[in-house]
PDB file of all heavy atoms in Angstrom:
ATOM      1  N   LEU A   1      -5.420  16.302   4.928  1.00  0.00           N
ATOM      2  CA  LEU A   1      -5.921  16.475   6.345  1.00  0.00           C
ATOM      3  C   LEU A   1      -5.670  15.117   7.174  1.00  0.00           C
ATOM      4  O   LEU A   1      -5.416  15.216   8.377  1.00  0.00           O
ATOM      5  CB  LEU A   1      -7.302  16.922   6.320  1.00  0.00           C
ATOM      6  CG  LEU A   1      -7.668  18.299   5.713  1.00  0.00           C
ATOM      7  CD1 LEU A   1      -9.208  18.444   5.737  1.00  0.00           C
ATOM      8  CD2 LEU A   1      -6.974  19.404   6.498  1.00  0.00           C
ATOM      9  N   PHE A   2      -5.962  14.033   6.419  1.00  0.00           N
ATOM     10  CA  PHE A   2      -6.047  12.789   7.130  1.00  0.00           C
ATOM     11  C   PHE A   2      -5.184  11.771   6.334  1.00  0.00           C
ATOM     12  O   PHE A   2      -5.047  11.918   5.176  1.00  0.00           O
ATOM     13  CB  PHE A   2      -7.407  12.288   7.212  1.00  0.00           C
ATOM     14  CG  PHE A   2      -8.392  13.379   7.629  1.00  0.00           C
ATOM     15  CD1 PHE A   2      -9.362  13.885   6.771  1.00  0.00           C
ATOM     16  CD2 PHE A   2      -8.429  13.846   8.931  1.00  0.00           C
ATOM     17  CE1 PHE A   2     -10.186  14.886   7.176  1.00  0.00           C
ATOM     18  CE2 PHE A   2      -9.218  14.839   9.390  1.00  0.00           C
ATOM     19  CZ  PHE A   2     -10.248  15.478   8.466  1.00  0.00           C
ATOM     20  N   ALA A   3      -4.713  10.757   7.041  1.00  0.00           N
ATOM     21  CA  ALA A   3      -3.845   9.779   6.404  1.00  0.00           C
ATOM     22  C   ALA A   3      -4.746   8.811   5.708  1.00  0.00           C
ATOM     23  O   ALA A   3      -5.785   8.325   6.217  1.00  0.00           O
ATOM     24  CB  ALA A   3      -3.055   9.008   7.481  1.00  0.00           C
ATOM     25  N   LEU A   4      -4.283   8.391   4.456  1.00  0.00           N
ATOM     26  CA  LEU A   4      -4.895   7.243   3.696  1.00  0.00           C
ATOM     27  C   LEU A   4      -3.774   6.241   3.515  1.00  0.00           C
ATOM     28  O   LEU A   4      -2.723   6.461   3.023  1.00  0.00           O
ATOM     29  CB  LEU A   4      -5.454   7.758   2.375  1.00  0.00           C
ATOM     30  CG  LEU A   4      -6.041   6.687   1.473  1.00  0.00           C
ATOM     31  CD1 LEU A   4      -7.258   6.024   2.142  1.00  0.00           C
ATOM     32  CD2 LEU A   4      -6.426   7.355   0.107  1.00  0.00           C
ATOM     33  N   LYS A   5      -4.100   5.030   3.954  1.00  0.00           N
ATOM     34  CA  LYS A   5      -3.252   3.835   3.816  1.00  0.00           C
ATOM     35  C   LYS A   5      -3.824   2.767   2.919  1.00  0.00           C
ATOM     36  O   LYS A   5      -5.016   2.682   2.823  1.00  0.00           O
ATOM     37  CB  LYS A   5      -2.989   3.208   5.178  1.00  0.00           C
ATOM     38  CG  LYS A   5      -2.300   4.208   6.208  1.00  0.00           C
ATOM     39  CD  LYS A   5      -2.060   3.555   7.449  1.00  0.00           C
ATOM     40  CE  LYS A   5      -1.361   4.590   8.407  1.00  0.00           C
ATOM     41  NZ  LYS A   5      -0.779   3.927   9.610  1.00  0.00           N
ATOM     42  N   VAL A   6      -2.900   2.016   2.179  1.00  0.00           N
ATOM     43  CA  VAL A   6      -3.363   1.041   1.228  1.00  0.00           C
ATOM     44  C   VAL A   6      -2.459  -0.207   1.543  1.00  0.00           C
ATOM     45  O   VAL A   6      -1.251  -0.020   1.740  1.00  0.00           O
ATOM     46  CB  VAL A   6      -3.164   1.470  -0.158  1.00  0.00           C
ATOM     47  CG1 VAL A   6      -3.697   0.440  -1.126  1.00  0.00           C
ATOM     48  CG2 VAL A   6      -4.012   2.759  -0.462  1.00  0.00           C
ATOM     49  N   GLU A   7      -3.099  -1.276   1.381  1.00  0.00           N
ATOM     50  CA  GLU A   7      -2.329  -2.572   1.515  1.00  0.00           C
ATOM     51  C   GLU A   7      -2.850  -3.579   0.472  1.00  0.00           C
ATOM     52  O   GLU A   7      -4.070  -3.627   0.191  1.00  0.00           O
ATOM     53  CB  GLU A   7      -2.590  -3.231   2.874  1.00  0.00           C
ATOM     54  CG  GLU A   7      -1.781  -4.388   3.254  1.00  0.00           C
ATOM     55  CD  GLU A   7      -1.976  -4.913   4.642  1.00  0.00           C
ATOM     56  OE1 GLU A   7      -2.871  -4.375   5.415  1.00  0.00           O
ATOM     57  OE2 GLU A   7      -1.275  -5.849   5.041  1.00  0.00           O
ATOM     58  N   ALA A   8      -1.930  -4.267  -0.119  1.00  0.00           N
ATOM     59  CA  ALA A   8      -2.240  -5.315  -1.210  1.00  0.00           C
ATOM     60  C   ALA A   8      -2.382  -6.675  -0.415  1.00  0.00           C
ATOM     61  O   ALA A   8      -1.516  -7.004   0.231  1.00  0.00           O
ATOM     62  CB  ALA A   8      -1.136  -5.376  -2.210  1.00  0.00           C
ATOM     63  N   LEU A   9      -3.552  -7.303  -0.542  1.00  0.00           N
ATOM     64  CA  LEU A   9      -3.837  -8.457   0.263  1.00  0.00           C
ATOM     65  C   LEU A   9      -3.914  -9.704  -0.656  1.00  0.00           C
ATOM     66  O   LEU A   9      -4.399  -9.656  -1.648  1.00  0.00           O
ATOM     67  CB  LEU A   9      -5.145  -8.366   0.951  1.00  0.00           C
ATOM     68  CG  LEU A   9      -5.276  -7.170   1.971  1.00  0.00           C
ATOM     69  CD1 LEU A   9      -6.746  -7.190   2.521  1.00  0.00           C
ATOM     70  CD2 LEU A   9      -4.306  -7.305   3.118  1.00  0.00           C
ATOM     71  N   ASN A  10      -3.210 -10.661  -0.269  1.00  0.00           N
ATOM     72  CA  ASN A  10      -3.312 -12.086  -0.929  1.00  0.00           C
ATOM     73  C   ASN A  10      -2.942 -11.989  -2.483  1.00  0.00           C
ATOM     74  O   ASN A  10      -3.645 -12.376  -3.279  1.00  0.00           O
ATOM     75  CB  ASN A  10      -4.618 -12.655  -0.799  1.00  0.00           C
ATOM     76  CG  ASN A  10      -4.962 -12.799   0.804  1.00  0.00           C
ATOM     77  OD1 ASN A  10      -4.056 -13.241   1.516  1.00  0.00           O
ATOM     78  ND2 ASN A  10      -6.171 -12.447   1.065  1.00  0.00           N
ATOM     79  N   PRO A  11      -1.806 -11.389  -2.863  1.00  0.00           N
ATOM     80  CA  PRO A  11      -1.520 -11.370  -4.337  1.00  0.00           C
ATOM     81  C   PRO A  11      -1.304 -12.828  -4.860  1.00  0.00           C
ATOM     82  O   PRO A  11      -0.681 -13.561  -4.120  1.00  0.00           O
ATOM     83  CB  PRO A  11      -0.186 -10.576  -4.363  1.00  0.00           C
ATOM     84  CG  PRO A  11       0.354 -10.665  -3.043  1.00  0.00           C
ATOM     85  CD  PRO A  11      -0.802 -10.805  -2.109  1.00  0.00           C
ATOM     86  N   THR A  12      -1.896 -13.093  -6.017  1.00  0.00           N
ATOM     87  CA  THR A  12      -1.684 -14.397  -6.611  1.00  0.00           C
ATOM     88  C   THR A  12      -0.371 -14.613  -7.231  1.00  0.00           C
ATOM     89  O   THR A  12       0.098 -15.818  -7.428  1.00  0.00           O
ATOM     90  CB  THR A  12      -2.751 -14.679  -7.709  1.00  0.00           C
ATOM     91  OG1 THR A  12      -2.679 -13.651  -8.722  1.00  0.00           O
ATOM     92  CG2 THR A  12      -4.147 -14.625  -7.138  1.00  0.00           C
ATOM     93  N   GLN A  13       0.363 -13.442  -7.399  1.00  0.00           N
ATOM     94  CA  GLN A  13       1.743 -13.599  -7.990  1.00  0.00           C
ATOM     95  C   GLN A  13       2.557 -12.398  -7.283  1.00  0.00           C
ATOM     96  O   GLN A  13       1.936 -11.408  -6.914  1.00  0.00           O
ATOM     97  CB  GLN A  13       1.798 -13.299  -9.467  1.00  0.00           C
ATOM     98  CG  GLN A  13       1.123 -14.391 -10.237  1.00  0.00           C
ATOM     99  CD  GLN A  13       1.928 -15.714 -10.338  1.00  0.00           C
ATOM    100  OE1 GLN A  13       3.019 -15.762 -10.301  1.00  0.00           O
ATOM    101  NE2 GLN A  13       1.125 -16.734 -10.374  1.00  0.00           N
ATOM    102  N   GLY A  14       3.809 -12.594  -7.101  1.00  0.00           N
ATOM    103  CA  GLY A  14       4.577 -11.491  -6.585  1.00  0.00           C
ATOM    104  C   GLY A  14       4.534 -11.449  -5.043  1.00  0.00           C
ATOM    105  O   GLY A  14       3.982 -12.233  -4.409  1.00  0.00           O
ATOM    106  N   THR A  15       5.084 -10.338  -4.537  1.00  0.00           N
ATOM    107  CA  THR A  15       5.147 -10.084  -3.145  1.00  0.00           C
ATOM    108  C   THR A  15       4.572  -8.732  -2.776  1.00  0.00           C
ATOM    109  O   THR A  15       4.942  -7.718  -3.316  1.00  0.00           O
ATOM    110  CB  THR A  15       6.637 -10.080  -2.665  1.00  0.00           C
ATOM    111  OG1 THR A  15       7.287 -11.245  -3.079  1.00  0.00           O
ATOM    112  CG2 THR A  15       6.825 -10.004  -1.144  1.00  0.00           C
ATOM    113  N   ALA A  16       3.652  -8.690  -1.748  1.00  0.00           N
ATOM    114  CA  ALA A  16       3.077  -7.456  -1.390  1.00  0.00           C
ATOM    115  C   ALA A  16       4.057  -6.671  -0.337  1.00  0.00           C
ATOM    116  O   ALA A  16       4.618  -7.355   0.444  1.00  0.00           O
ATOM    117  CB  ALA A  16       1.756  -7.718  -0.662  1.00  0.00           C
ATOM    118  N   ALA A  17       4.040  -5.390  -0.479  1.00  0.00           N
ATOM    119  CA  ALA A  17       4.829  -4.556   0.420  1.00  0.00           C
ATOM    120  C   ALA A  17       3.937  -4.458   1.704  1.00  0.00           C
ATOM    121  O   ALA A  17       2.775  -4.845   1.724  1.00  0.00           O
ATOM    122  CB  ALA A  17       5.076  -3.222  -0.150  1.00  0.00           C
ATOM    123  N   SER A  18       4.582  -3.926   2.731  1.00  0.00           N
ATOM    124  CA  SER A  18       3.771  -3.507   4.004  1.00  0.00           C
ATOM    125  C   SER A  18       2.827  -2.528   3.661  1.00  0.00           C
ATOM    126  O   SER A  18       2.785  -1.878   2.538  1.00  0.00           O
ATOM    127  CB  SER A  18       4.725  -3.130   4.998  1.00  0.00           C
ATOM    128  OG  SER A  18       5.698  -4.060   5.400  1.00  0.00           O
ATOM    129  N   GLU A  19       1.870  -2.274   4.494  1.00  0.00           N
ATOM    130  CA  GLU A  19       0.888  -1.150   4.295  1.00  0.00           C
ATOM    131  C   GLU A  19       1.568   0.112   3.927  1.00  0.00           C
ATOM    132  O   GLU A  19       2.556   0.451   4.548  1.00  0.00           O
ATOM    133  CB  GLU A  19       0.054  -1.050   5.626  1.00  0.00           C
ATOM    134  CG  GLU A  19      -1.066  -0.021   5.538  1.00  0.00           C
ATOM    135  CD  GLU A  19      -1.849   0.086   6.788  1.00  0.00           C
ATOM    136  OE1 GLU A  19      -1.235   0.345   7.822  1.00  0.00           O
ATOM    137  OE2 GLU A  19      -3.095  -0.243   6.713  1.00  0.00           O
ATOM    138  N   VAL A  20       1.073   0.784   2.975  1.00  0.00           N
ATOM    139  CA  VAL A  20       1.675   2.066   2.486  1.00  0.00           C
ATOM    140  C   VAL A  20       0.839   3.225   2.851  1.00  0.00           C
ATOM    141  O   VAL A  20      -0.324   3.263   2.661  1.00  0.00           O
ATOM    142  CB  VAL A  20       1.754   2.058   0.877  1.00  0.00           C
ATOM    143  CG1 VAL A  20       2.288   3.393   0.392  1.00  0.00           C
ATOM    144  CG2 VAL A  20       2.687   0.846   0.473  1.00  0.00           C
ATOM    145  N   THR A  21       1.444   4.300   3.454  1.00  0.00           N
ATOM    146  CA  THR A  21       0.653   5.511   3.720  1.00  0.00           C
ATOM    147  C   THR A  21       0.968   6.392   2.410  1.00  0.00           C
ATOM    148  O   THR A  21       2.077   6.709   2.069  1.00  0.00           O
ATOM    149  CB  THR A  21       1.318   6.335   4.887  1.00  0.00           C
ATOM    150  OG1 THR A  21       1.068   5.391   6.045  1.00  0.00           O
ATOM    151  CG2 THR A  21       0.510   7.563   5.161  1.00  0.00           C
ATOM    152  N   LEU A  22      -0.165   6.775   1.751  1.00  0.00           N
ATOM    153  CA  LEU A  22      -0.034   7.396   0.510  1.00  0.00           C
ATOM    154  C   LEU A  22       0.517   8.858   0.607  1.00  0.00           C
ATOM    155  O   LEU A  22       0.189   9.641   1.614  1.00  0.00           O
ATOM    156  CB  LEU A  22      -1.449   7.438  -0.248  1.00  0.00           C
ATOM    157  CG  LEU A  22      -2.000   6.133  -0.650  1.00  0.00           C
ATOM    158  CD1 LEU A  22      -3.286   6.293  -1.382  1.00  0.00           C
ATOM    159  CD2 LEU A  22      -1.031   5.551  -1.630  1.00  0.00           C
ATOM    160  N   SER A  23       1.269   9.160  -0.323  1.00  0.00           N
ATOM    161  CA  SER A  23       1.817  10.581  -0.532  1.00  0.00           C
ATOM    162  C   SER A  23       2.017  10.797  -1.984  1.00  0.00           C
ATOM    163  O   SER A  23       1.675   9.948  -2.794  1.00  0.00           O
ATOM    164  CB  SER A  23       3.192  10.696   0.202  1.00  0.00           C
ATOM    165  OG  SER A  23       4.211  10.057  -0.447  1.00  0.00           O
ATOM    166  N   THR A  24       2.490  11.984  -2.344  1.00  0.00           N
ATOM    167  CA  THR A  24       2.689  12.295  -3.761  1.00  0.00           C
ATOM    168  C   THR A  24       3.982  11.675  -4.326  1.00  0.00           C
ATOM    169  O   THR A  24       4.251  11.748  -5.539  1.00  0.00           O
ATOM    170  CB  THR A  24       2.800  13.759  -3.982  1.00  0.00           C
ATOM    171  OG1 THR A  24       3.832  14.384  -3.049  1.00  0.00           O
ATOM    172  CG2 THR A  24       1.407  14.533  -3.589  1.00  0.00           C
ATOM    173  N   THR A  25       4.721  10.955  -3.441  1.00  0.00           N
ATOM    174  CA  THR A  25       5.963  10.201  -3.907  1.00  0.00           C
ATOM    175  C   THR A  25       5.512   8.781  -4.047  1.00  0.00           C
ATOM    176  O   THR A  25       4.938   8.222  -3.087  1.00  0.00           O
ATOM    177  CB  THR A  25       7.047  10.297  -2.766  1.00  0.00           C
ATOM    178  OG1 THR A  25       7.391  11.790  -2.586  1.00  0.00           O
ATOM    179  CG2 THR A  25       8.271   9.552  -3.203  1.00  0.00           C
ATOM    180  N   ALA A  26       5.795   8.221  -5.172  1.00  0.00           N
ATOM    181  CA  ALA A  26       5.450   6.831  -5.438  1.00  0.00           C
ATOM    182  C   ALA A  26       6.071   5.867  -4.417  1.00  0.00           C
ATOM    183  O   ALA A  26       7.319   6.009  -4.115  1.00  0.00           O
ATOM    184  CB  ALA A  26       5.857   6.420  -6.899  1.00  0.00           C
TER     185      ALA A  26
END
């Protein structure tokens, strides 16, 4: 019904992607 977004903040290793809008596709 509603959008759910996730963002990885301040990773100690690696690179965070932009904010992701969740779906059933990885």
